[in-house]
Amino acid sequence: MAASNVIIDEVDQTPDLEERTQVKTLLTLAHQTISVGAVEISRGLRLESLGFKEKDALHLACAESGEADLFLTTDDRLLRRAQRYQARLHIQVKNPETWLREVTENGRFTDDGS
């Protein structure tokens, strides 16, 4: 799992203290934190030109920069746009529930290398 300055800033703005604390605890599991630099900003702008929202574009740019294999989101708009432009993204974008169904079999993780 990776984090980025974008997600940390977003979590810091979460008004619900309990939710913010829970998410911050999860973020401590991240093995790396990607900072937003010129490369991420440039990539984010290219993704924005495809119609991604600014923060979504930066989230994706940071995930790509960190060489993540997968970006999980429950944002249906982001999922639809990512599906439309999958060939132009350097990362898979999935709904967590859909992804979990794909990688499990009868409630157990498969070991097929994916």
N, C-alpha and C. Protein backbone atom coordinates (compact mmCIF):
# COMPACT_ATOMS: atom_id res chain seq x y z
N MET A 1 0.85 -1.17 0.00
CA MET A 1 0.00 0.00 0.00
C MET A 1 0.89 1.23 0.00
N ALA A 2 0.49 2.21 -0.78
CA ALA A 2 1.20 3.47 -0.85
C ALA A 2 0.24 4.60 -0.49
N ALA A 3 0.81 5.68 -0.03
CA ALA A 3 0.04 6.89 0.26
C ALA A 3 0.66 8.03 -0.55
N SER A 4 0.01 9.16 -0.51
CA SER A 4 0.56 10.33 -1.18
C SER A 4 0.21 11.56 -0.36
N ASN A 5 0.91 12.63 -0.64
CA ASN A 5 0.59 13.90 0.02
C ASN A 5 -0.84 14.32 -0.29
N VAL A 6 -1.34 13.93 -1.46
CA VAL A 6 -2.70 14.29 -1.86
C VAL A 6 -3.71 13.64 -0.92
N ILE A 7 -3.55 12.34 -0.67
CA ILE A 7 -4.51 11.64 0.20
C ILE A 7 -4.35 12.11 1.65
N ILE A 8 -3.13 12.38 2.08
CA ILE A 8 -2.92 12.86 3.46
C ILE A 8 -3.62 14.20 3.65
N ASP A 9 -3.47 15.11 2.69
CA ASP A 9 -4.15 16.41 2.77
C ASP A 9 -5.66 16.24 2.77
N GLU A 10 -6.15 15.33 1.95
CA GLU A 10 -7.59 15.09 1.87
C GLU A 10 -8.12 14.53 3.18
N VAL A 11 -7.40 13.58 3.76
CA VAL A 11 -7.81 12.99 5.04
C VAL A 11 -7.80 14.06 6.13
N ASP A 12 -6.82 14.92 6.12
CA ASP A 12 -6.74 15.99 7.13
C ASP A 12 -7.95 16.91 7.09
N GLN A 13 -8.65 16.96 5.95
CA GLN A 13 -9.83 17.81 5.81
C GLN A 13 -11.12 17.09 6.16
N THR A 14 -11.04 15.81 6.53
CA THR A 14 -12.23 15.04 6.90
C THR A 14 -12.81 15.61 8.18
N PRO A 15 -14.07 16.08 8.14
CA PRO A 15 -14.65 16.74 9.32
C PRO A 15 -14.92 15.78 10.48
N ASP A 16 -15.23 14.53 10.19
CA ASP A 16 -15.54 13.56 11.23
C ASP A 16 -14.24 13.07 11.88
N LEU A 17 -14.03 13.42 13.14
CA LEU A 17 -12.79 13.11 13.84
C LEU A 17 -12.53 11.60 13.90
N GLU A 18 -13.55 10.81 14.19
CA GLU A 18 -13.37 9.36 14.28
C GLU A 18 -12.97 8.77 12.93
N GLU A 19 -13.65 9.19 11.88
CA GLU A 19 -13.31 8.71 10.54
C GLU A 19 -11.89 9.13 10.16
N ARG A 20 -11.56 10.39 10.43
CA ARG A 20 -10.22 10.90 10.12
C ARG A 20 -9.15 10.09 10.85
N THR A 21 -9.39 9.79 12.12
CA THR A 21 -8.44 9.02 12.91
C THR A 21 -8.28 7.60 12.37
N GLN A 22 -9.39 6.96 12.00
CA GLN A 22 -9.34 5.61 11.45
C GLN A 22 -8.55 5.56 10.14
N VAL A 23 -8.80 6.52 9.27
CA VAL A 23 -8.10 6.54 7.98
C VAL A 23 -6.62 6.83 8.19
N LYS A 24 -6.31 7.75 9.09
CA LYS A 24 -4.90 8.04 9.38
C LYS A 24 -4.19 6.80 9.91
N THR A 25 -4.88 6.02 10.71
CA THR A 25 -4.30 4.77 11.22
C THR A 25 -4.01 3.81 10.06
N LEU A 26 -4.93 3.71 9.13
CA LEU A 26 -4.70 2.87 7.94
C LEU A 26 -3.51 3.36 7.13
N LEU A 27 -3.36 4.66 7.03
CA LEU A 27 -2.27 5.23 6.23
C LEU A 27 -0.90 4.92 6.83
N THR A 28 -0.86 4.58 8.10
CA THR A 28 0.43 4.22 8.70
C THR A 28 0.94 2.89 8.15
N LEU A 29 0.07 2.13 7.50
CA LEU A 29 0.47 0.85 6.89
C LEU A 29 1.16 1.04 5.54
N ALA A 30 1.10 2.24 5.02
CA ALA A 30 1.70 2.51 3.71
C ALA A 30 3.21 2.29 3.77
N HIS A 31 3.73 1.60 2.76
CA HIS A 31 5.17 1.34 2.70
C HIS A 31 5.94 2.49 2.05
N GLN A 32 5.19 3.41 1.43
CA GLN A 32 5.82 4.60 0.86
C GLN A 32 4.80 5.72 0.77
N THR A 33 5.31 6.94 0.79
CA THR A 33 4.47 8.12 0.60
C THR A 33 5.03 8.88 -0.59
N ILE A 34 4.20 9.06 -1.59
CA ILE A 34 4.62 9.75 -2.81
C ILE A 34 4.34 11.23 -2.65
N SER A 35 5.36 12.03 -2.85
CA SER A 35 5.22 13.48 -2.80
C SER A 35 4.80 14.00 -4.17
N VAL A 36 4.07 15.08 -4.16
CA VAL A 36 3.65 15.71 -5.40
C VAL A 36 4.76 16.64 -5.87
N GLY A 37 5.33 16.31 -7.01
CA GLY A 37 6.38 17.13 -7.61
C GLY A 37 6.01 17.50 -9.03
N ALA A 38 6.97 17.98 -9.77
CA ALA A 38 6.72 18.44 -11.14
C ALA A 38 6.19 17.31 -12.03
N VAL A 39 6.72 16.10 -11.87
CA VAL A 39 6.28 14.97 -12.70
C VAL A 39 4.80 14.66 -12.43
N GLU A 40 4.43 14.62 -11.15
CA GLU A 40 3.05 14.30 -10.79
C GLU A 40 2.09 15.42 -11.23
N ILE A 41 2.53 16.66 -11.08
CA ILE A 41 1.68 17.78 -11.51
C ILE A 41 1.47 17.75 -13.02
N SER A 42 2.53 17.50 -13.77
CA SER A 42 2.43 17.42 -15.22
C SER A 42 1.50 16.29 -15.64
N ARG A 43 1.68 15.13 -15.05
CA ARG A 43 0.82 13.98 -15.37
C ARG A 43 -0.63 14.28 -14.96
N GLY A 44 -0.79 14.89 -13.80
CA GLY A 44 -2.13 15.25 -13.34
C GLY A 44 -2.83 16.17 -14.32
N LEU A 45 -2.11 17.13 -14.86
CA LEU A 45 -2.70 18.05 -15.85
C LEU A 45 -3.12 17.31 -17.11
N ARG A 46 -2.29 16.33 -17.54
CA ARG A 46 -2.68 15.54 -18.72
C ARG A 46 -3.94 14.73 -18.42
N LEU A 47 -4.04 14.20 -17.21
CA LEU A 47 -5.23 13.42 -16.85
C LEU A 47 -6.46 14.34 -16.73
N GLU A 48 -6.26 15.54 -16.22
CA GLU A 48 -7.36 16.50 -16.18
C GLU A 48 -7.88 16.81 -17.57
N SER A 49 -6.98 16.85 -18.56
CA SER A 49 -7.40 17.13 -19.94
C SER A 49 -8.29 16.02 -20.48
N LEU A 50 -8.24 14.84 -19.86
CA LEU A 50 -9.13 13.74 -20.24
C LEU A 50 -10.46 13.80 -19.49
N GLY A 51 -10.58 14.76 -18.58
CA GLY A 51 -11.83 14.94 -17.86
C GLY A 51 -11.81 14.48 -16.41
N PHE A 52 -10.66 14.03 -15.91
CA PHE A 52 -10.58 13.65 -14.50
C PHE A 52 -10.59 14.93 -13.66
N LYS A 53 -11.23 14.87 -12.50
CA LYS A 53 -11.21 16.00 -11.57
C LYS A 53 -9.78 16.20 -11.08
N GLU A 54 -9.47 17.43 -10.66
CA GLU A 54 -8.10 17.78 -10.27
C GLU A 54 -7.52 16.82 -9.23
N LYS A 55 -8.22 16.61 -8.13
CA LYS A 55 -7.68 15.74 -7.07
C LYS A 55 -7.59 14.29 -7.55
N ASP A 56 -8.59 13.84 -8.29
CA ASP A 56 -8.54 12.47 -8.82
C ASP A 56 -7.34 12.29 -9.73
N ALA A 57 -7.09 13.30 -10.57
CA ALA A 57 -5.94 13.25 -11.48
C ALA A 57 -4.63 13.18 -10.70
N LEU A 58 -4.53 13.95 -9.62
CA LEU A 58 -3.32 13.90 -8.80
C LEU A 58 -3.18 12.57 -8.07
N HIS A 59 -4.31 12.03 -7.58
CA HIS A 59 -4.27 10.71 -6.94
C HIS A 59 -3.72 9.68 -7.92
N LEU A 60 -4.25 9.68 -9.13
CA LEU A 60 -3.80 8.72 -10.15
C LEU A 60 -2.34 8.95 -10.52
N ALA A 61 -1.97 10.20 -10.69
CA ALA A 61 -0.58 10.53 -11.06
C ALA A 61 0.39 10.05 -9.98
N CYS A 62 0.03 10.23 -8.72
CA CYS A 62 0.89 9.77 -7.63
C CYS A 62 0.96 8.24 -7.60
N ALA A 63 -0.16 7.59 -7.82
CA ALA A 63 -0.17 6.12 -7.83
C ALA A 63 0.70 5.59 -8.97
N GLU A 64 0.60 6.22 -10.13
CA GLU A 64 1.45 5.83 -11.25
C GLU A 64 2.92 6.08 -10.93
N SER A 65 3.20 7.22 -10.35
CA SER A 65 4.57 7.58 -10.01
C SER A 65 5.17 6.60 -9.00
N GLY A 66 4.34 6.13 -8.08
CA GLY A 66 4.78 5.15 -7.10
C GLY A 66 4.78 3.73 -7.62
N GLU A 67 4.45 3.58 -8.92
CA GLU A 67 4.42 2.28 -9.59
C GLU A 67 3.48 1.29 -8.91
N ALA A 68 2.36 1.80 -8.45
CA ALA A 68 1.33 0.94 -7.85
C ALA A 68 0.73 0.05 -8.94
N ASP A 69 0.35 -1.13 -8.57
CA ASP A 69 -0.28 -2.06 -9.51
C ASP A 69 -1.77 -1.77 -9.68
N LEU A 70 -2.36 -1.16 -8.65
CA LEU A 70 -3.80 -1.04 -8.60
C LEU A 70 -4.21 0.20 -7.84
N PHE A 71 -5.28 0.84 -8.29
CA PHE A 71 -5.85 2.00 -7.62
C PHE A 71 -7.30 1.63 -7.32
N LEU A 72 -7.65 1.57 -6.04
CA LEU A 72 -9.01 1.21 -5.65
C LEU A 72 -9.80 2.46 -5.29
N THR A 73 -11.04 2.52 -5.79
CA THR A 73 -11.91 3.66 -5.49
C THR A 73 -13.37 3.23 -5.56
N THR A 74 -14.20 3.90 -4.78
CA THR A 74 -15.65 3.68 -4.86
C THR A 74 -16.33 4.81 -5.63
N ASP A 75 -15.55 5.71 -6.18
CA ASP A 75 -16.07 6.84 -6.94
C ASP A 75 -16.48 6.37 -8.33
N ASP A 76 -17.78 6.25 -8.55
CA ASP A 76 -18.29 5.73 -9.82
C ASP A 76 -17.88 6.58 -11.02
N ARG A 77 -17.86 7.89 -10.84
CA ARG A 77 -17.47 8.78 -11.95
C ARG A 77 -16.01 8.53 -12.33
N LEU A 78 -15.16 8.42 -11.33
CA LEU A 78 -13.74 8.14 -11.57
C LEU A 78 -13.57 6.77 -12.23
N LEU A 79 -14.31 5.79 -11.75
CA LEU A 79 -14.23 4.44 -12.33
C LEU A 79 -14.64 4.43 -13.80
N ARG A 80 -15.73 5.11 -14.12
CA ARG A 80 -16.19 5.15 -15.52
C ARG A 80 -15.16 5.83 -16.42
N ARG A 81 -14.62 6.95 -15.96
CA ARG A 81 -13.64 7.67 -16.77
C ARG A 81 -12.36 6.84 -16.93
N ALA A 82 -11.94 6.19 -15.85
CA ALA A 82 -10.74 5.35 -15.92
C ALA A 82 -10.96 4.19 -16.88
N GLN A 83 -12.14 3.61 -16.88
CA GLN A 83 -12.44 2.52 -17.80
C GLN A 83 -12.37 3.03 -19.25
N ARG A 84 -12.92 4.21 -19.47
CA ARG A 84 -12.92 4.80 -20.81
C ARG A 84 -11.50 5.06 -21.31
N TYR A 85 -10.60 5.45 -20.41
CA TYR A 85 -9.24 5.82 -20.80
C TYR A 85 -8.19 4.83 -20.29
N GLN A 86 -8.59 3.59 -20.02
CA GLN A 86 -7.67 2.60 -19.46
C GLN A 86 -6.38 2.47 -20.28
N ALA A 87 -6.48 2.54 -21.57
CA ALA A 87 -5.29 2.41 -22.43
C ALA A 87 -4.31 3.56 -22.24
N ARG A 88 -4.78 4.69 -21.70
CA ARG A 88 -3.91 5.85 -21.50
C ARG A 88 -3.43 5.98 -20.06
N LEU A 89 -3.89 5.06 -19.21
CA LEU A 89 -3.45 5.06 -17.81
C LEU A 89 -2.35 4.03 -17.64
N HIS A 90 -1.51 4.26 -16.65
CA HIS A 90 -0.42 3.34 -16.36
C HIS A 90 -0.71 2.55 -15.09
N ILE A 91 -2.01 2.38 -14.79
CA ILE A 91 -2.44 1.70 -13.58
C ILE A 91 -3.86 1.19 -13.80
N GLN A 92 -4.19 0.08 -13.17
CA GLN A 92 -5.56 -0.42 -13.20
C GLN A 92 -6.36 0.32 -12.14
N VAL A 93 -7.60 0.68 -12.46
CA VAL A 93 -8.49 1.34 -11.51
C VAL A 93 -9.70 0.43 -11.33
N LYS A 94 -9.97 0.06 -10.09
CA LYS A 94 -11.05 -0.88 -9.79
C LYS A 94 -11.86 -0.43 -8.59
N ASN A 95 -13.09 -0.91 -8.53
CA ASN A 95 -13.90 -0.80 -7.34
C ASN A 95 -13.41 -1.87 -6.37
N PRO A 96 -13.23 -1.56 -5.08
CA PRO A 96 -12.68 -2.56 -4.15
C PRO A 96 -13.51 -3.84 -4.06
N GLU A 97 -14.82 -3.71 -4.09
CA GLU A 97 -15.68 -4.90 -4.00
C GLU A 97 -15.52 -5.77 -5.25
N THR A 98 -15.52 -5.14 -6.42
CA THR A 98 -15.34 -5.87 -7.68
C THR A 98 -13.97 -6.55 -7.70
N TRP A 99 -12.94 -5.81 -7.30
CA TRP A 99 -11.59 -6.36 -7.28
C TRP A 99 -11.51 -7.56 -6.34
N LEU A 100 -12.10 -7.44 -5.16
CA LEU A 100 -12.04 -8.53 -4.19
C LEU A 100 -12.73 -9.78 -4.74
N ARG A 101 -13.87 -9.58 -5.41
CA ARG A 101 -14.55 -10.73 -6.02
C ARG A 101 -13.68 -11.38 -7.09
N GLU A 102 -12.95 -10.56 -7.85
CA GLU A 102 -12.10 -11.09 -8.91
C GLU A 102 -10.92 -11.89 -8.37
N VAL A 103 -10.39 -11.50 -7.22
CA VAL A 103 -9.19 -12.16 -6.71
C VAL A 103 -9.48 -13.24 -5.67
N THR A 104 -10.73 -13.43 -5.35
CA THR A 104 -11.06 -14.47 -4.39
C THR A 104 -11.89 -15.56 -5.07
N GLU A 105 -11.83 -16.71 -4.47
CA GLU A 105 -12.64 -17.82 -4.95
C GLU A 105 -13.19 -18.51 -3.71
N ASN A 106 -14.51 -18.51 -3.57
CA ASN A 106 -15.15 -19.10 -2.40
C ASN A 106 -14.62 -18.51 -1.10
N GLY A 107 -14.39 -17.19 -1.10
CA GLY A 107 -13.93 -16.53 0.10
C GLY A 107 -12.45 -16.68 0.39
N ARG A 108 -11.69 -17.32 -0.50
CA ARG A 108 -10.26 -17.50 -0.30
C ARG A 108 -9.51 -16.83 -1.45
N PHE A 109 -8.36 -16.22 -1.12
CA PHE A 109 -7.55 -15.60 -2.15
C PHE A 109 -6.99 -16.67 -3.07
N THR A 110 -7.00 -16.37 -4.36
CA THR A 110 -6.37 -17.28 -5.32
C THR A 110 -4.89 -16.97 -5.39
N ASP A 111 -4.12 -17.89 -5.83
CA ASP A 111 -2.67 -17.68 -5.95
C ASP A 111 -2.27 -17.83 -7.41
N ASP A 112 -2.83 -16.93 -8.22
CA ASP A 112 -2.55 -17.02 -9.66
C ASP A 112 -1.60 -15.92 -10.13
N GLY A 113 -0.96 -15.22 -9.17
CA GLY A 113 0.01 -14.21 -9.55
C GLY A 113 -0.58 -12.86 -9.86
N SER A 114 -1.91 -12.70 -9.77
CA SER A 114 -2.50 -11.39 -10.07
C SER A 114 -2.68 -10.59 -8.82
